[in-house]
Amino acid sequence: MNNPASLRAIGLPERTVHLWRLSVAQTRISLDYHLSLLDEEEKFHAARFHFRQDREQSILARASLRSLMARYTGFAPDQIRFKKNQYGKPFLQYPDSPVQFNVTHSGDCIIHAITCGAEIGVDVETVRDSSSLGSISSYFATGEQAWLDATAHETRDDAFFMLWTCKEAYIKALGLGLSKSLDSFEIGIVNNEPKILFDSDEHALAASWQLLLFKPRRNMVGCVAVNTSISAVEFRDYGSGLRWHLSGQ
């Protein structure tokens, strides 16, 4: 197939989120092409990985983001410049654009979440046995711990990772990294949807945030956090450009 940079520009209406799914195993685009898109710092970062799989995933994640940003902004991939805030959240430094993004991965599954004019964060996790992760949930807000304790045993793993991805996506959207404690805000289920019930930060506007759940694969759960009302979420496959369904595999 053609390289993504040669494809047509991507329109991004306001109040819309695009979720791009990709993996090293499934992409149809050569790794050499992706490597050629990286700047020297990104190449150095990828070369530091000891295992080939991790190195290839780093190359694909960073190069695909460059390629997508080129299509959203109309600039060539090598013109795209990224920068990080003091807590490590990356953002688009050049060109000046309202496009916002966030990246996550679990296993070989990489997700790019992209929107316009709003802060965005995304997290995805492989659902697995959560019994060994009890020490993590002890750092959750009191109400969240109570909700998990009341969850039926057979659905406990799904509940834990749903809550975990929501919390991670919100923290990533805020761009505060580890400075934001897990018990400083609480997420609850309201009308079968996750909501931020409170945030101890006096400047936080919890009601303005949307938490959107999705399943990139059958054994995974993901969440996108956006500080605006979203009217549409589009799921796209990076390798083919085709849409994938909410419960896609």
Protein backbone atom coordinates (compact mmCIF):
# COMPACT_ATOMS: atom_id res chain seq x y z
CA MET A 1 0.00 0.00 0.00
CA ASN A 2 1.04 3.64 -0.27
CA ASN A 3 2.86 5.28 2.60
CA PRO A 4 0.52 7.19 4.91
CA ALA A 5 2.23 10.52 4.15
CA SER A 6 1.21 10.19 0.50
CA LEU A 7 -2.46 9.76 1.35
CA ARG A 8 -4.96 12.58 1.47
CA ALA A 9 -5.23 15.00 4.35
CA ILE A 10 -7.46 14.08 7.28
CA GLY A 11 -10.24 16.41 8.36
CA LEU A 12 -10.90 16.68 12.08
CA PRO A 13 -14.18 18.38 13.00
CA GLU A 14 -14.56 19.95 16.43
CA ARG A 15 -15.93 17.72 19.21
CA THR A 16 -14.64 14.63 17.38
CA VAL A 17 -12.08 12.05 18.51
CA HIS A 18 -10.16 9.84 16.11
CA LEU A 19 -8.73 6.63 17.55
CA TRP A 20 -6.03 4.99 15.43
CA ARG A 21 -5.09 1.37 16.11
CA LEU A 22 -1.86 -0.24 14.93
CA SER A 23 0.70 -2.93 15.75
CA VAL A 24 4.09 -4.01 14.45
CA ALA A 25 2.72 -7.42 13.47
CA GLN A 26 -0.22 -6.10 11.47
CA THR A 27 1.07 -2.94 9.79
CA ARG A 28 1.56 -3.25 6.03
CA ILE A 29 4.07 -0.40 5.89
CA SER A 30 7.79 -1.20 6.06
CA LEU A 31 9.75 -0.55 9.21
CA ASP A 32 12.48 1.10 7.12
CA TYR A 33 9.99 3.68 5.91
CA HIS A 34 8.92 4.42 9.48
CA LEU A 35 12.54 4.67 10.63
CA SER A 36 13.22 7.22 7.90
CA LEU A 37 10.56 9.51 9.38
CA LEU A 38 12.22 9.81 12.79
CA ASP A 39 14.49 12.62 13.89
CA GLU A 40 17.86 11.84 15.47
CA GLU A 41 16.57 11.98 19.04
CA GLU A 42 13.76 9.53 18.24
CA LYS A 43 16.19 7.17 16.50
CA PHE A 44 18.49 7.31 19.53
CA HIS A 45 15.56 6.57 21.85
CA ALA A 46 14.52 3.53 19.80
CA ALA A 47 18.09 2.19 19.61
CA ARG A 48 18.30 2.06 23.41
CA PHE A 49 15.80 -0.80 23.61
CA HIS A 50 17.51 -4.15 24.11
CA PHE A 51 14.77 -6.33 22.62
CA ARG A 52 13.93 -6.08 18.93
CA GLN A 53 10.18 -6.13 19.54
CA ASP A 54 10.39 -3.12 21.87
CA ARG A 55 12.66 -1.28 19.45
CA GLU A 56 10.31 -1.86 16.51
CA GLN A 57 7.30 -0.81 18.57
CA SER A 58 9.01 2.45 19.54
CA ILE A 59 9.83 3.18 15.90
CA LEU A 60 6.28 2.44 14.75
CA ALA A 61 4.61 4.43 17.53
CA ARG A 62 6.68 7.57 16.99
CA ALA A 63 6.79 7.43 13.19
CA SER A 64 3.08 6.74 12.82
CA LEU A 65 2.36 9.74 15.06
CA ARG A 66 4.55 11.91 12.82
CA SER A 67 2.79 10.60 9.74
CA LEU A 68 -0.65 11.26 11.22
CA MET A 69 0.28 14.76 12.42
CA ALA A 70 1.51 15.53 8.90
CA ARG A 71 -1.86 14.54 7.47
CA TYR A 72 -3.83 16.49 10.06
CA THR A 73 -1.75 19.67 9.74
CA GLY A 74 -0.71 19.65 6.07
CA PHE A 75 3.00 19.70 6.87
CA ALA A 76 5.63 17.14 5.88
CA PRO A 77 6.54 14.53 8.54
CA ASP A 78 10.09 15.87 8.88
CA GLN A 79 8.70 19.34 9.65
CA ILE A 80 6.72 18.12 12.64
CA ARG A 81 8.24 19.06 16.00
CA PHE A 82 7.20 17.66 19.35
CA LYS A 83 7.88 18.94 22.84
CA LYS A 84 7.05 17.73 26.36
CA ASN A 85 5.69 19.67 29.31
CA GLN A 86 7.44 19.54 32.68
CA TYR A 87 5.63 16.31 33.57
CA GLY A 88 6.50 14.54 30.32
CA LYS A 89 3.28 14.95 28.32
CA PRO A 90 4.12 15.41 24.60
CA PHE A 91 2.44 18.05 22.48
CA LEU A 92 2.78 19.52 19.01
CA GLN A 93 5.35 22.33 19.04
CA TYR A 94 5.39 22.93 15.28
CA PRO A 95 3.34 23.72 13.34
CA ASP A 96 1.05 25.84 15.49
CA SER A 97 -2.17 23.84 15.43
CA PRO A 98 -5.25 23.13 17.60
CA VAL A 99 -4.71 19.39 17.06
CA GLN A 100 -4.14 17.56 20.34
CA PHE A 101 -3.03 13.95 20.73
CA ASN A 102 -2.09 11.25 23.19
CA VAL A 103 -0.55 7.79 22.74
CA THR A 104 -0.77 4.53 24.65
CA HIS A 105 0.08 0.88 24.13
CA SER A 106 -0.46 -2.50 25.70
CA GLY A 107 1.40 -5.52 24.38
CA ASP A 108 1.80 -4.94 20.64
CA CYS A 109 -1.33 -2.76 20.37
CA ILE A 110 -0.67 0.98 19.92
CA ILE A 111 -3.45 3.58 20.08
CA HIS A 112 -3.25 7.22 18.96
CA ALA A 113 -6.08 9.43 20.25
CA ILE A 114 -6.47 12.70 18.34
CA THR A 115 -8.87 15.62 18.70
CA CYS A 116 -9.07 19.34 18.01
CA GLY A 117 -8.96 22.15 20.57
CA ALA A 118 -9.32 20.03 23.72
CA GLU A 119 -7.04 18.26 26.18
CA ILE A 120 -7.02 14.52 25.59
CA GLY A 121 -5.58 11.44 27.26
CA VAL A 122 -5.85 7.75 26.40
CA ASP A 123 -4.97 4.49 28.10
CA VAL A 124 -5.42 0.86 27.08
CA GLU A 125 -4.81 -2.28 29.10
CA THR A 126 -4.95 -6.01 28.51
CA VAL A 127 -7.52 -7.48 30.90
CA ARG A 128 -5.84 -10.10 33.08
CA ASP A 129 -5.86 -11.46 36.62
CA SER A 130 -6.01 -8.38 38.86
CA SER A 131 -5.64 -10.20 42.19
CA SER A 132 -1.94 -9.38 42.34
CA LEU A 133 -2.67 -5.68 41.76
CA GLY A 134 -4.51 -5.11 45.02
CA SER A 135 -1.73 -2.84 46.24
CA ILE A 136 -2.50 -0.45 43.37
CA SER A 137 -6.21 -0.24 44.14
CA SER A 138 -5.33 0.63 47.75
CA TYR A 139 -4.21 4.01 46.37
CA PHE A 140 -7.60 4.61 44.72
CA ALA A 141 -10.22 6.94 46.18
CA THR A 142 -12.29 5.45 49.02
CA GLY A 143 -15.45 5.26 46.91
CA GLU A 144 -13.62 3.46 44.12
CA GLN A 145 -12.22 0.88 46.53
CA ALA A 146 -15.71 0.27 47.92
CA TRP A 147 -17.11 -0.16 44.41
CA LEU A 148 -14.42 -2.69 43.50
CA ASP A 149 -14.95 -4.61 46.75
CA ALA A 150 -18.67 -4.87 45.95
CA THR A 151 -18.06 -6.12 42.40
CA ALA A 152 -18.83 -9.78 41.72
CA HIS A 153 -15.72 -11.96 41.62
CA GLU A 154 -16.27 -13.06 38.01
CA THR A 155 -16.30 -9.45 36.78
CA ARG A 156 -13.64 -8.07 39.14
CA ASP A 157 -10.85 -8.09 36.54
CA ASP A 158 -12.95 -6.20 33.98
CA ALA A 159 -14.02 -3.69 36.62
CA PHE A 160 -10.48 -3.08 37.87
CA PHE A 161 -9.01 -2.44 34.42
CA MET A 162 -11.95 -0.31 33.35
CA LEU A 163 -11.39 1.89 36.38
CA TRP A 164 -7.62 1.86 35.95
CA THR A 165 -7.76 2.97 32.30
CA CYS A 166 -10.21 5.76 33.16
CA LYS A 167 -7.94 7.09 35.89
CA GLU A 168 -4.82 6.84 33.72
CA ALA A 169 -6.51 8.52 30.74
CA TYR A 170 -7.67 11.43 32.93
CA ILE A 171 -4.22 11.92 34.48
CA LYS A 172 -2.61 11.79 31.04
CA ALA A 173 -5.08 14.33 29.66
CA LEU A 174 -4.29 16.69 32.53
CA GLY A 175 -0.61 16.28 31.70
CA LEU A 176 0.38 16.04 35.37
CA GLY A 177 2.07 12.64 35.41
CA LEU A 178 2.96 11.16 38.79
CA SER A 179 2.32 14.51 40.51
CA LYS A 180 -1.41 13.70 40.40
CA SER A 181 -2.21 11.17 43.12
CA LEU A 182 -4.70 8.40 42.36
CA ASP A 183 -6.87 9.22 45.37
CA SER A 184 -7.13 12.95 44.57
CA PHE A 185 -10.14 12.29 42.33
CA GLU A 186 -12.91 9.71 42.15
CA ILE A 187 -14.52 7.99 39.18
CA GLY A 188 -17.93 6.38 39.47
CA ILE A 189 -20.45 4.73 37.18
CA VAL A 190 -23.44 6.95 36.42
CA ASN A 191 -26.12 5.61 34.05
CA ASN A 192 -23.70 2.86 32.99
CA GLU A 193 -21.01 5.37 32.02
CA PRO A 194 -17.84 6.36 33.87
CA LYS A 195 -17.89 9.89 35.28
CA ILE A 196 -15.48 11.96 37.34
CA LEU A 197 -17.40 12.47 40.57
CA PHE A 198 -14.95 14.88 42.16
CA ASP A 199 -11.42 16.21 41.97
CA SER A 200 -9.72 17.71 45.01
CA ASP A 201 -7.98 20.29 42.82
CA GLU A 202 -9.96 23.48 43.35
CA HIS A 203 -9.31 24.49 39.74
CA ALA A 204 -10.58 21.21 38.29
CA LEU A 205 -13.84 21.26 36.34
CA ALA A 206 -14.79 17.61 36.73
CA ALA A 207 -18.18 18.03 35.07
CA SER A 208 -16.57 19.23 31.83
CA TRP A 209 -14.78 15.91 31.23
CA GLN A 210 -15.98 12.95 29.21
CA LEU A 211 -14.63 9.44 29.74
CA LEU A 212 -15.21 7.26 26.68
CA LEU A 213 -14.66 3.50 26.90
CA PHE A 214 -13.66 1.37 23.92
CA LYS A 215 -12.32 -2.12 23.15
CA PRO A 216 -9.44 -2.19 20.65
CA ARG A 217 -9.39 -5.97 20.92
CA ARG A 218 -11.56 -8.57 22.58
CA ASN A 219 -9.29 -8.99 25.63
CA MET A 220 -8.53 -5.28 26.07
CA VAL A 221 -10.21 -2.21 27.47
CA GLY A 222 -9.41 1.41 26.74
CA CYS A 223 -10.54 4.85 27.81
CA VAL A 224 -10.26 8.30 26.26
CA ALA A 225 -10.57 11.36 28.53
CA VAL A 226 -11.47 14.68 26.89
CA ASN A 227 -12.31 18.00 28.54
CA THR A 228 -15.19 18.83 26.23
CA SER A 229 -18.46 17.30 25.07
CA ILE A 230 -17.67 14.84 22.27
CA SER A 231 -20.27 14.24 19.57
CA ALA A 232 -18.43 11.57 17.56
CA VAL A 233 -15.68 8.97 18.00
CA GLU A 234 -14.19 7.42 14.86
CA PHE A 235 -12.13 4.23 15.04
CA ARG A 236 -9.52 3.79 12.32
CA ASP A 237 -6.88 1.20 11.45
CA TYR A 238 -3.51 2.82 10.70
CA GLY A 239 -2.27 0.14 8.35
CA SER A 240 -5.29 0.15 6.05
CA GLY A 241 -7.08 3.39 6.90
CA LEU A 242 -10.28 1.39 7.30
CA ARG A 243 -12.72 1.98 10.13
CA TRP A 244 -12.99 -0.56 12.93
CA HIS A 245 -15.94 -1.11 15.19
CA LEU A 246 -16.14 -0.30 18.90
CA SER A 247 -15.87 -3.96 19.78
CA GLY A 248 -13.41 -4.72 16.99
CA GLN A 249 -10.74 -7.36 17.39
